[in-house]
PDB file of N, CA and C in Angstrom:
ATOM      1  N   MET A   1       0.732  -0.943  -0.072  1.00  0.00           N
ATOM      2  CA  MET A   1       0.564   0.049   0.073  1.00  0.00           C
ATOM      3  C   MET A   1       0.949   1.224  -0.227  1.00  0.00           C
ATOM      4  N   MET A   2       1.031   2.026  -0.864  1.00  0.00           N
ATOM      5  CA  MET A   2       1.354   3.592  -0.897  1.00  0.00           C
ATOM      6  C   MET A   2       1.173   4.711   0.061  1.00  0.00           C
ATOM      7  N   ARG A   3       1.882   4.885   0.830  1.00  0.00           N
ATOM      8  CA  ARG A   3       1.439   6.374   1.610  1.00  0.00           C
ATOM      9  C   ARG A   3       2.255   7.742   1.092  1.00  0.00           C
ATOM     10  N   ALA A   4       1.347   8.633   1.764  1.00  0.00           N
ATOM     11  CA  ALA A   4       2.382   9.386   1.623  1.00  0.00           C
ATOM     12  C   ALA A   4       2.562  10.225   2.656  1.00  0.00           C
ATOM     13  N   TYR A   5       3.777  10.743   1.965  1.00  0.00           N
ATOM     14  CA  TYR A   5       4.604  11.231   3.845  1.00  0.00           C
ATOM     15  C   TYR A   5       5.583  12.780   3.138  1.00  0.00           C
ATOM     16  N   GLU A   6       5.885  13.644   3.899  1.00  0.00           N
ATOM     17  CA  GLU A   6       6.414  14.661   4.354  1.00  0.00           C
ATOM     18  C   GLU A   6       7.670  14.358   4.656  1.00  0.00           C
ATOM     19  N   LEU A   7       8.845  15.012   4.184  1.00  0.00           N
ATOM     20  CA  LEU A   7      10.243  15.147   4.781  1.00  0.00           C
ATOM     21  C   LEU A   7      11.366  16.013   4.374  1.00  0.00           C
ATOM     22  N   MET A   8      11.563  16.642   6.043  1.00  0.00           N
ATOM     23  CA  MET A   8      11.972  17.489   5.709  1.00  0.00           C
ATOM     24  C   MET A   8      13.366  17.672   6.315  1.00  0.00           C
ATOM     25  N   VAL A   9      14.531  17.581   5.479  1.00  0.00           N
ATOM     26  CA  VAL A   9      16.045  17.600   6.059  1.00  0.00           C
ATOM     27  C   VAL A   9      16.834  18.921   5.972  1.00  0.00           C
ATOM     28  N   ILE A  10      17.838  18.394   7.249  1.00  0.00           N
ATOM     29  CA  ILE A  10      18.518  19.871   7.498  1.00  0.00           C
ATOM     30  C   ILE A  10      20.018  19.930   7.099  1.00  0.00           C
ATOM     31  N   VAL A  11      20.139  20.797   6.381  1.00  0.00           N
ATOM     32  CA  VAL A  11      21.969  20.000   6.320  1.00  0.00           C
ATOM     33  C   VAL A  11      22.750  21.254   6.743  1.00  0.00           C
ATOM     34  N   ASP A  12      24.347  21.071   7.017  1.00  0.00           N
ATOM     35  CA  ASP A  12      24.992  22.119   8.301  1.00  0.00           C
ATOM     36  C   ASP A  12      25.065  23.055   6.378  1.00  0.00           C
ATOM     37  N   GLY A  13      24.730  24.045   8.120  1.00  0.00           N
ATOM     38  CA  GLY A  13      25.161  25.614   7.155  1.00  0.00           C
ATOM     39  C   GLY A  13      26.538  26.323   6.804  1.00  0.00           C
ATOM     40  N   ASP A  14      27.756  25.152   8.045  1.00  0.00           N
ATOM     41  CA  ASP A  14      28.824  25.461   7.212  1.00  0.00           C
ATOM     42  C   ASP A  14      29.502  24.964   5.909  1.00  0.00           C
ATOM     43  N   VAL A  15      28.745  23.905   5.475  1.00  0.00           N
ATOM     44  CA  VAL A  15      28.900  23.472   3.942  1.00  0.00           C
ATOM     45  C   VAL A  15      28.945  24.652   2.681  1.00  0.00           C
ATOM     46  N   GLU A  16      29.245  24.596   1.485  1.00  0.00           N
ATOM     47  CA  GLU A  16      29.223  24.895   0.467  1.00  0.00           C
ATOM     48  C   GLU A  16      27.459  25.503   0.051  1.00  0.00           C
ATOM     49  N   ASP A  17      26.706  26.837  -0.772  1.00  0.00           N
ATOM     50  CA  ASP A  17      25.651  26.048  -1.104  1.00  0.00           C
ATOM     51  C   ASP A  17      25.237  25.147  -2.178  1.00  0.00           C
ATOM     52  N   ALA A  18      26.196  24.969  -3.402  1.00  0.00           N
ATOM     53  CA  ALA A  18      26.168  24.042  -3.925  1.00  0.00           C
ATOM     54  C   ALA A  18      26.009  22.002  -3.338  1.00  0.00           C
ATOM     55  N   GLN A  19      26.589  22.722  -2.781  1.00  0.00           N
ATOM     56  CA  GLN A  19      27.254  21.039  -1.490  1.00  0.00           C
ATOM     57  C   GLN A  19      25.739  20.534  -1.342  1.00  0.00           C
ATOM     58  N   ALA A  20      25.533  22.122  -0.124  1.00  0.00           N
ATOM     59  CA  ALA A  20      23.910  21.159   0.151  1.00  0.00           C
ATOM     60  C   ALA A  20      22.584  20.876  -0.488  1.00  0.00           C
ATOM     61  N   GLN A  21      22.645  21.898  -2.177  1.00  0.00           N
ATOM     62  CA  GLN A  21      21.798  21.790  -2.986  1.00  0.00           C
ATOM     63  C   GLN A  21      21.723  20.184  -3.365  1.00  0.00           C
ATOM     64  N   SER A  22      23.169  19.747  -3.588  1.00  0.00           N
ATOM     65  CA  SER A  22      23.048  18.258  -3.713  1.00  0.00           C
ATOM     66  C   SER A  22      22.285  17.345  -3.626  1.00  0.00           C
ATOM     67  N   TRP A  23      22.109  17.607  -2.312  1.00  0.00           N
ATOM     68  CA  TRP A  23      21.464  17.133  -1.221  1.00  0.00           C
ATOM     69  C   TRP A  23      19.773  16.415  -1.380  1.00  0.00           C
ATOM     70  N   THR A  24      19.220  17.868  -2.331  1.00  0.00           N
ATOM     71  CA  THR A  24      17.679  17.046  -2.998  1.00  0.00           C
ATOM     72  C   THR A  24      18.028  16.499  -4.292  1.00  0.00           C
ATOM     73  N   LYS A  25      19.607  16.068  -4.956  1.00  0.00           N
ATOM     74  CA  LYS A  25      19.378  14.975  -5.912  1.00  0.00           C
ATOM     75  C   LYS A  25      19.493  13.946  -4.838  1.00  0.00           C
ATOM     76  N   VAL A  26      20.358  13.846  -4.020  1.00  0.00           N
ATOM     77  CA  VAL A  26      19.998  12.020  -2.999  1.00  0.00           C
ATOM     78  C   VAL A  26      19.082  12.243  -2.633  1.00  0.00           C
ATOM     79  N   VAL A  27      18.547  12.764  -2.054  1.00  0.00           N
ATOM     80  CA  VAL A  27      16.848  12.078  -1.149  1.00  0.00           C
ATOM     81  C   VAL A  27      15.966  12.188  -2.421  1.00  0.00           C
ATOM     82  N   THR A  28      15.686  12.583  -3.645  1.00  0.00           N
ATOM     83  CA  THR A  28      14.711  11.881  -4.482  1.00  0.00           C
ATOM     84  C   THR A  28      15.195  11.330  -5.042  1.00  0.00           C
ATOM     85  N   ASP A  29      16.385  10.866  -5.495  1.00  0.00           N
ATOM     86  CA  ASP A  29      16.627   9.446  -6.311  1.00  0.00           C
ATOM     87  C   ASP A  29      16.742   8.205  -5.119  1.00  0.00           C
ATOM     88  N   GLY A  30      16.887   8.229  -3.369  1.00  0.00           N
ATOM     89  CA  GLY A  30      17.080   7.641  -2.796  1.00  0.00           C
ATOM     90  C   GLY A  30      15.657   7.028  -2.648  1.00  0.00           C
ATOM     91  N   ILE A  31      14.517   8.227  -2.904  1.00  0.00           N
ATOM     92  CA  ILE A  31      12.793   7.834  -2.926  1.00  0.00           C
ATOM     93  C   ILE A  31      12.626   6.799  -4.316  1.00  0.00           C
ATOM     94  N   THR A  32      13.231   7.360  -5.623  1.00  0.00           N
ATOM     95  CA  THR A  32      12.759   6.322  -6.989  1.00  0.00           C
ATOM     96  C   THR A  32      13.263   4.960  -7.040  1.00  0.00           C
ATOM     97  N   LYS A  33      14.598   5.562  -6.373  1.00  0.00           N
ATOM     98  CA  LYS A  33      14.510   3.950  -5.826  1.00  0.00           C
ATOM     99  C   LYS A  33      14.086   2.672  -5.611  1.00  0.00           C
ATOM    100  N   VAL A  34      13.760   3.356  -4.716  1.00  0.00           N
ATOM    101  CA  VAL A  34      12.337   1.809  -3.125  1.00  0.00           C
ATOM    102  C   VAL A  34      11.080   2.481  -4.178  1.00  0.00           C
ATOM    103  N   GLY A  35      11.073   2.533  -5.742  1.00  0.00           N
ATOM    104  CA  GLY A  35       9.607   2.775  -5.806  1.00  0.00           C
ATOM    105  C   GLY A  35       8.533   3.425  -5.562  1.00  0.00           C
ATOM    106  N   GLY A  36       9.424   4.940  -5.041  1.00  0.00           N
ATOM    107  CA  GLY A  36       8.496   6.101  -4.511  1.00  0.00           C
ATOM    108  C   GLY A  36       8.699   6.601  -5.233  1.00  0.00           C
ATOM    109  N   SER A  37       7.650   7.690  -5.267  1.00  0.00           N
ATOM    110  CA  SER A  37       7.836   9.232  -5.917  1.00  0.00           C
ATOM    111  C   SER A  37       7.566  10.073  -5.146  1.00  0.00           C
ATOM    112  N   VAL A  38       8.441  11.282  -6.261  1.00  0.00           N
ATOM    113  CA  VAL A  38       7.961  12.600  -5.397  1.00  0.00           C
ATOM    114  C   VAL A  38       7.203  13.408  -6.010  1.00  0.00           C
ATOM    115  N   HIS A  39       6.474  13.943  -4.898  1.00  0.00           N
ATOM    116  CA  HIS A  39       4.568  14.242  -5.566  1.00  0.00           C
ATOM    117  C   HIS A  39       5.178  15.740  -5.919  1.00  0.00           C
ATOM    118  N   GLY A  40       6.013  16.457  -7.351  1.00  0.00           N
ATOM    119  CA  GLY A  40       5.791  18.413  -6.883  1.00  0.00           C
ATOM    120  C   GLY A  40       7.130  18.530  -6.950  1.00  0.00           C
ATOM    121  N   LYS A  41       7.890  19.468  -6.891  1.00  0.00           N
ATOM    122  CA  LYS A  41       8.883  20.053  -6.864  1.00  0.00           C
ATOM    123  C   LYS A  41       9.188  19.585  -5.126  1.00  0.00           C
ATOM    124  N   PRO A  42      10.346  19.466  -5.046  1.00  0.00           N
ATOM    125  CA  PRO A  42      11.520  19.583  -3.912  1.00  0.00           C
ATOM    126  C   PRO A  42      11.344  21.238  -3.685  1.00  0.00           C
ATOM    127  N   ASP A  43      10.555  21.192  -1.962  1.00  0.00           N
ATOM    128  CA  ASP A  43      11.094  22.486  -1.737  1.00  0.00           C
ATOM    129  C   ASP A  43      12.168  22.833  -1.217  1.00  0.00           C
ATOM    130  N   TRP A  44      13.283  23.866  -1.666  1.00  0.00           N
ATOM    131  CA  TRP A  44      13.930  24.773  -0.906  1.00  0.00           C
ATOM    132  C   TRP A  44      14.633  25.565  -0.645  1.00  0.00           C
ATOM    133  N   TRP A  45      14.002  25.765   0.641  1.00  0.00           N
ATOM    134  CA  TRP A  45      13.904  26.870   1.449  1.00  0.00           C
ATOM    135  C   TRP A  45      15.419  27.359   1.677  1.00  0.00           C
ATOM    136  N   GLY A  46      16.739  27.284   1.838  1.00  0.00           N
ATOM    137  CA  GLY A  46      17.563  27.406   1.403  1.00  0.00           C
ATOM    138  C   GLY A  46      18.030  27.868   3.356  1.00  0.00           C
ATOM    139  N   LYS A  47      19.104  28.655   2.899  1.00  0.00           N
ATOM    140  CA  LYS A  47      19.460  28.954   4.372  1.00  0.00           C
ATOM    141  C   LYS A  47      18.813  30.027   5.708  1.00  0.00           C
ATOM    142  N   ARG A  48      18.673  28.628   6.784  1.00  0.00           N
ATOM    143  CA  ARG A  48      17.711  30.093   8.034  1.00  0.00           C
ATOM    144  C   ARG A  48      18.960  30.052   9.019  1.00  0.00           C
ATOM    145  N   GLN A  49      18.324  30.686  10.252  1.00  0.00           N
ATOM    146  CA  GLN A  49      18.761  30.610  11.406  1.00  0.00           C
ATOM    147  C   GLN A  49      18.232  29.798  11.948  1.00  0.00           C
ATOM    148  N   PHE A  50      18.866  29.005  13.652  1.00  0.00           N
ATOM    149  CA  PHE A  50      17.870  27.783  14.406  1.00  0.00           C
ATOM    150  C   PHE A  50      17.920  28.953  15.445  1.00  0.00           C
ATOM    151  N   ALA A  51      16.162  28.521  15.431  1.00  0.00           N
ATOM    152  CA  ALA A  51      15.828  29.632  17.043  1.00  0.00           C
ATOM    153  C   ALA A  51      16.919  29.459  18.063  1.00  0.00           C
ATOM    154  N   TYR A  52      17.673  28.126  18.232  1.00  0.00           N
ATOM    155  CA  TYR A  52      18.681  27.947  19.675  1.00  0.00           C
ATOM    156  C   TYR A  52      19.652  26.644  18.904  1.00  0.00           C
ATOM    157  N   PRO A  53      21.181  26.490  18.830  1.00  0.00           N
ATOM    158  CA  PRO A  53      22.179  25.798  18.411  1.00  0.00           C
ATOM    159  C   PRO A  53      21.845  24.504  18.391  1.00  0.00           C
ATOM    160  N   ILE A  54      22.004  24.035  17.571  1.00  0.00           N
ATOM    161  CA  ILE A  54      22.079  22.579  17.050  1.00  0.00           C
ATOM    162  C   ILE A  54      22.936  22.251  16.844  1.00  0.00           C
ATOM    163  N   HIS A  55      23.735  21.181  17.637  1.00  0.00           N
ATOM    164  CA  HIS A  55      25.350  20.381  17.602  1.00  0.00           C
ATOM    165  C   HIS A  55      25.934  21.357  17.383  1.00  0.00           C
ATOM    166  N   LYS A  56      25.933  22.891  18.299  1.00  0.00           N
ATOM    167  CA  LYS A  56      27.225  24.338  18.194  1.00  0.00           C
ATOM    168  C   LYS A  56      26.944  24.785  16.904  1.00  0.00           C
ATOM    169  N   LYS A  57      25.810  24.608  16.069  1.00  0.00           N
ATOM    170  CA  LYS A  57      25.778  25.152  14.535  1.00  0.00           C
ATOM    171  C   LYS A  57      24.979  26.172  15.182  1.00  0.00           C
ATOM    172  N   GLU A  58      25.123  27.508  14.192  1.00  0.00           N
ATOM    173  CA  GLU A  58      23.538  28.985  14.127  1.00  0.00           C
ATOM    174  C   GLU A  58      22.573  28.804  13.894  1.00  0.00           C
ATOM    175  N   SER A  59      22.741  28.238  12.284  1.00  0.00           N
ATOM    176  CA  SER A  59      21.806  27.941  10.898  1.00  0.00           C
ATOM    177  C   SER A  59      22.825  26.572   9.983  1.00  0.00           C
ATOM    178  N   GLY A  60      21.392  26.470   8.926  1.00  0.00           N
ATOM    179  CA  GLY A  60      21.314  25.264   8.108  1.00  0.00           C
ATOM    180  C   GLY A  60      20.671  25.741   7.394  1.00  0.00           C
ATOM    181  N   TYR A  61      20.681  24.176   5.598  1.00  0.00           N
ATOM    182  CA  TYR A  61      19.786  24.741   4.891  1.00  0.00           C
ATOM    183  C   TYR A  61      19.119  23.762   5.073  1.00  0.00           C
ATOM    184  N   TYR A  62      17.515  24.169   4.871  1.00  0.00           N
ATOM    185  CA  TYR A  62      16.123  23.551   4.889  1.00  0.00           C
ATOM    186  C   TYR A  62      15.866  22.886   3.244  1.00  0.00           C
ATOM    187  N   LEU A  63      15.365  21.526   3.908  1.00  0.00           N
ATOM    188  CA  LEU A  63      15.033  21.186   2.216  1.00  0.00           C
ATOM    189  C   LEU A  63      13.308  20.154   2.658  1.00  0.00           C
ATOM    190  N   VAL A  64      12.453  20.671   2.205  1.00  0.00           N
ATOM    191  CA  VAL A  64      11.116  20.039   2.151  1.00  0.00           C
ATOM    192  C   VAL A  64      10.224  19.123   1.489  1.00  0.00           C
ATOM    193  N   VAL A  65      10.032  18.167   0.808  1.00  0.00           N
ATOM    194  CA  VAL A  65      10.145  16.542  -0.364  1.00  0.00           C
ATOM    195  C   VAL A  65       8.737  16.253   0.317  1.00  0.00           C
ATOM    196  N   GLU A  66       7.823  16.656  -0.780  1.00  0.00           N
ATOM    197  CA  GLU A  66       6.430  15.581  -0.036  1.00  0.00           C
ATOM    198  C   GLU A  66       6.753  14.113  -1.658  1.00  0.00           C
ATOM    199  N   CYS A  67       6.380  12.907  -0.775  1.00  0.00           N
ATOM    200  CA  CYS A  67       6.316  11.593  -1.681  1.00  0.00           C
ATOM    201  C   CYS A  67       5.552  10.516  -0.974  1.00  0.00           C
ATOM    202  N   VAL A  68       5.562  10.243  -2.351  1.00  0.00           N
ATOM    203  CA  VAL A  68       4.347   8.801  -2.108  1.00  0.00           C
ATOM    204  C   VAL A  68       5.464   7.524  -1.736  1.00  0.00           C
ATOM    205  N   ALA A  69       5.367   6.502  -1.295  1.00  0.00           N
ATOM    206  CA  ALA A  69       6.098   5.424  -1.130  1.00  0.00           C
ATOM    207  C   ALA A  69       5.564   4.052  -0.535  1.00  0.00           C
ATOM    208  N   ALA A  70       6.017   3.106  -0.193  1.00  0.00           N
ATOM    209  CA  ALA A  70       5.578   1.756  -0.064  1.00  0.00           C
ATOM    210  C   ALA A  70       5.457   1.766   1.663  1.00  0.00           C
ATOM    211  N   GLY A  71       4.570   1.389   2.680  1.00  0.00           N
ATOM    212  CA  GLY A  71       5.155   1.624   4.066  1.00  0.00           C
ATOM    213  C   GLY A  71       6.746   0.663   4.287  1.00  0.00           C
ATOM    214  N   GLY A  72       7.319   1.624   4.831  1.00  0.00           N
ATOM    215  CA  GLY A  72       8.656   1.098   4.774  1.00  0.00           C
ATOM    216  C   GLY A  72       9.475   0.981   4.150  1.00  0.00           C
ATOM    217  N   ALA A  73       9.631   1.477   2.892  1.00  0.00           N
ATOM    218  CA  ALA A  73      10.158   1.187   1.841  1.00  0.00           C
ATOM    219  C   ALA A  73      11.062   2.270   2.373  1.00  0.00           C
ATOM    220  N   LEU A  74      10.889   3.859   2.856  1.00  0.00           N
ATOM    221  CA  LEU A  74      11.957   4.959   2.849  1.00  0.00           C
ATOM    222  C   LEU A  74      12.877   4.602   4.096  1.00  0.00           C
ATOM    223  N   ASP A  75      13.139   3.168   4.636  1.00  0.00           N
ATOM    224  CA  ASP A  75      13.891   2.851   6.002  1.00  0.00           C
ATOM    225  C   ASP A  75      14.662   3.688   5.829  1.00  0.00           C
ATOM    226  N   GLU A  76      15.299   2.636   4.326  1.00  0.00           N
ATOM    227  CA  GLU A  76      17.349   2.996   4.432  1.00  0.00           C
ATOM    228  C   GLU A  76      17.841   4.371   3.574  1.00  0.00           C
ATOM    229  N   LEU A  77      16.783   4.953   3.127  1.00  0.00           N
ATOM    230  CA  LEU A  77      16.853   6.364   3.031  1.00  0.00           C
ATOM    231  C   LEU A  77      17.633   7.337   4.625  1.00  0.00           C
ATOM    232  N   GLU A  78      16.178   6.884   5.194  1.00  0.00           N
ATOM    233  CA  GLU A  78      16.356   8.052   6.414  1.00  0.00           C
ATOM    234  C   GLU A  78      17.405   7.220   7.444  1.00  0.00           C
ATOM    235  N   ARG A  79      17.538   6.045   6.939  1.00  0.00           N
ATOM    236  CA  ARG A  79      19.016   5.771   7.873  1.00  0.00           C
ATOM    237  C   ARG A  79      20.087   6.590   8.010  1.00  0.00           C
ATOM    238  N   SER A  80      20.791   6.593   5.944  1.00  0.00           N
ATOM    239  CA  SER A  80      21.837   6.965   4.858  1.00  0.00           C
ATOM    240  C   SER A  80      21.852   8.656   5.670  1.00  0.00           C
ATOM    241  N   LEU A  81      20.290   8.709   5.766  1.00  0.00           N
ATOM    242  CA  LEU A  81      20.448  10.575   6.260  1.00  0.00           C
ATOM    243  C   LEU A  81      20.486  10.611   7.833  1.00  0.00           C
ATOM    244  N   ARG A  82      20.585  10.023   9.018  1.00  0.00           N
ATOM    245  CA  ARG A  82      20.923   9.596  10.110  1.00  0.00           C
ATOM    246  C   ARG A  82      22.290   9.207   9.898  1.00  0.00           C
ATOM    247  N   LEU A  83      23.114   9.227   9.288  1.00  0.00           N
ATOM    248  CA  LEU A  83      24.935   8.572   9.143  1.00  0.00           C
ATOM    249  C   LEU A  83      25.417   9.630   8.224  1.00  0.00           C
ATOM    250  N   ALA A  84      24.737  10.385   7.935  1.00  0.00           N
ATOM    251  CA  ALA A  84      25.578  11.796   6.732  1.00  0.00           C
ATOM    252  C   ALA A  84      25.747  12.529   7.493  1.00  0.00           C
ATOM    253  N   ASP A  85      27.464  13.159   7.758  1.00  0.00           N
ATOM    254  CA  ASP A  85      27.818  14.324   8.733  1.00  0.00           C
ATOM    255  C   ASP A  85      27.321  15.325   8.198  1.00  0.00           C
ATOM    256  N   ASP A  86      26.858  15.328   6.678  1.00  0.00           N
ATOM    257  CA  ASP A  86      25.988  16.850   6.798  1.00  0.00           C
ATOM    258  C   ASP A  86      25.231  17.065   6.808  1.00  0.00           C
ATOM    259  N   ILE A  87      24.222  15.933   7.357  1.00  0.00           N
ATOM    260  CA  ILE A  87      23.156  16.582   8.183  1.00  0.00           C
ATOM    261  C   ILE A  87      22.712  16.129   9.233  1.00  0.00           C
ATOM    262  N   VAL A  88      22.123  17.695  10.181  1.00  0.00           N
ATOM    263  CA  VAL A  88      21.802  18.167  11.367  1.00  0.00           C
ATOM    264  C   VAL A  88      20.744  17.240  11.755  1.00  0.00           C
ATOM    265  N   ARG A  89      19.452  17.385  10.979  1.00  0.00           N
ATOM    266  CA  ARG A  89      18.381  16.805  11.665  1.00  0.00           C
ATOM    267  C   ARG A  89      17.609  16.356   9.968  1.00  0.00           C
ATOM    268  N   HIS A  90      17.096  15.248  10.588  1.00  0.00           N
ATOM    269  CA  HIS A  90      15.565  14.762   9.649  1.00  0.00           C
ATOM    270  C   HIS A  90      14.471  14.584  10.242  1.00  0.00           C
ATOM    271  N   LYS A  91      13.627  14.777   9.326  1.00  0.00           N
ATOM    272  CA  LYS A  91      12.173  14.366  10.349  1.00  0.00           C
ATOM    273  C   LYS A  91      11.417  14.100   8.834  1.00  0.00           C
ATOM    274  N   LEU A  92      10.442  12.536   8.808  1.00  0.00           N
ATOM    275  CA  LEU A  92      10.307  11.905   8.129  1.00  0.00           C
ATOM    276  C   LEU A  92       8.460  11.661   8.504  1.00  0.00           C
ATOM    277  N   ILE A  93       7.467  12.377   7.953  1.00  0.00           N
ATOM    278  CA  ILE A  93       6.311  11.979   8.346  1.00  0.00           C
ATOM    279  C   ILE A  93       5.559  12.014   7.815  1.00  0.00           C
ATOM    280  N   ARG A  94       4.631  10.175   7.934  1.00  0.00           N
ATOM    281  CA  ARG A  94       3.132   9.743   7.458  1.00  0.00           C
ATOM    282  C   ARG A  94       2.006  11.348   7.713  1.00  0.00           C
ATOM    283  N   LEU A  95       1.480  11.211   5.871  1.00  0.00           N
ATOM    284  CA  LEU A  95       0.913  12.543   6.177  1.00  0.00           C
ATOM    285  C   LEU A  95      -0.584  11.734   6.406  1.00  0.00           C
ATOM    286  N   PRO A  96      -1.501  12.369   7.475  1.00  0.00           N
ATOM    287  CA  PRO A  96      -3.255  11.545   6.956  1.00  0.00           C
ATOM    288  C   PRO A  96      -3.896  11.134   6.305  1.00  0.00           C
ATOM    289  N   ASP A  97      -4.255  10.845   5.592  1.00  0.00           N
ATOM    290  CA  ASP A  97      -5.312  10.586   4.368  1.00  0.00           C
ATOM    291  C   ASP A  97      -5.691  11.158   4.285  1.00  0.00           C
ATOM    292  N   ALA A  98      -6.490  11.954   5.101  1.00  0.00           N
ATOM    293  CA  ALA A  98      -7.238  13.616   4.492  1.00  0.00           C
ATOM    294  C   ALA A  98      -6.431  14.683   4.076  1.00  0.00           C
ATOM    295  N   GLU A  99      -5.018  14.421   5.110  1.00  0.00           N
ATOM    296  CA  GLU A  99      -4.440  15.914   4.339  1.00  0.00           C
ATOM    297  C   GLU A  99      -3.952  15.230   3.155  1.00  0.00           C
ATOM    298  N   ALA A 100      -3.715  13.986   3.144  1.00  0.00           N
ATOM    299  CA  ALA A 100      -2.583  13.162   1.525  1.00  0.00           C
ATOM    300  C   ALA A 100      -3.727  13.372   0.525  1.00  0.00           C
ATOM    301  N   GLU A 101      -4.867  13.654   0.787  1.00  0.00           N
ATOM    302  CA  GLU A 101      -5.789  13.643  -0.503  1.00  0.00           C
ATOM    303  C   GLU A 101      -5.638  15.491  -0.382  1.00  0.00           C
ATOM    304  N   ARG A 102      -5.863  15.952   0.178  1.00  0.00           N
ATOM    305  CA  ARG A 102      -5.582  18.236   0.639  1.00  0.00           C
ATOM    306  C   ARG A 102      -5.033  18.266  -0.312  1.00  0.00           C
ATOM    307  N   ARG A 103      -3.590  17.330  -0.701  1.00  0.00           N
ATOM    308  CA  ARG A 103      -2.727  17.822  -1.383  1.00  0.00           C
ATOM    309  C   ARG A 103      -2.614  17.500  -2.666  1.00  0.00           C
ATOM    310  N   GLY A 104      -3.740  16.125  -2.862  1.00  0.00           N
ATOM    311  CA  GLY A 104      -3.846  15.974  -4.267  1.00  0.00           C
ATOM    312  C   GLY A 104      -2.959  14.567  -4.551  1.00  0.00           C
ATOM    313  N   MET A 105      -2.794  14.031  -3.087  1.00  0.00           N
ATOM    314  CA  MET A 105      -1.484  13.000  -3.715  1.00  0.00           C
ATOM    315  C   MET A 105      -1.890  11.956  -3.519  1.00  0.00           C
ATOM    316  N   THR A 106      -3.021  11.872  -3.225  1.00  0.00           N
ATOM    317  CA  THR A 106      -4.567  10.774  -3.451  1.00  0.00           C
ATOM    318  C   THR A 106      -4.337   9.617  -4.793  1.00  0.00           C
ATOM    319  N   ASP A 107      -4.025  10.309  -5.499  1.00  0.00           N
ATOM    320  CA  ASP A 107      -4.072   9.721  -7.044  1.00  0.00           C
ATOM    321  C   ASP A 107      -3.240   8.850  -7.624  1.00  0.00           C
ATOM    322  N   THR A 108      -1.823   9.279  -7.229  1.00  0.00           N
ATOM    323  CA  THR A 108      -0.796   8.347  -7.316  1.00  0.00           C
ATOM    324  C   THR A 108      -0.417   7.402  -6.377  1.00  0.00           C
ATOM    325  N   ALA A 109      -0.983   7.533  -5.047  1.00  0.00           N
ATOM    326  CA  ALA A 109      -0.962   6.451  -3.907  1.00  0.00           C
ATOM    327  C   ALA A 109      -2.094   5.446  -4.179  1.00  0.00           C
ATOM    328  N   ALA A 110      -2.937   5.696  -5.267  1.00  0.00           N
ATOM    329  CA  ALA A 110      -4.280   4.835  -5.313  1.00  0.00           C
ATOM    330  C   ALA A 110      -4.463   3.757  -6.459  1.00  0.00           C
TER     331      ALA A 110
END
């Protein structure tokens, strides 16, 4: 069964802008590799200040990706994000069915 997800990734603010943006391709390739699909265009927020320091860092690059994938298919992508030195934080959220339908993600999930 295909499920709708939202993935937010925060890349270390100390890396170069081009290197940070390259994570967009890494994340989208990781989703499609496991049979999922990216819904819409990845949302690159750019460099933002943190509300409080995280691992002694003051800022980071934010990336938000909406996708549709089978349950448990994104476990390996999450593992690679957890191990990557450039990633400060990441959060994968399964969207409720009503929210996925509101965002138009149910057509690809059906």
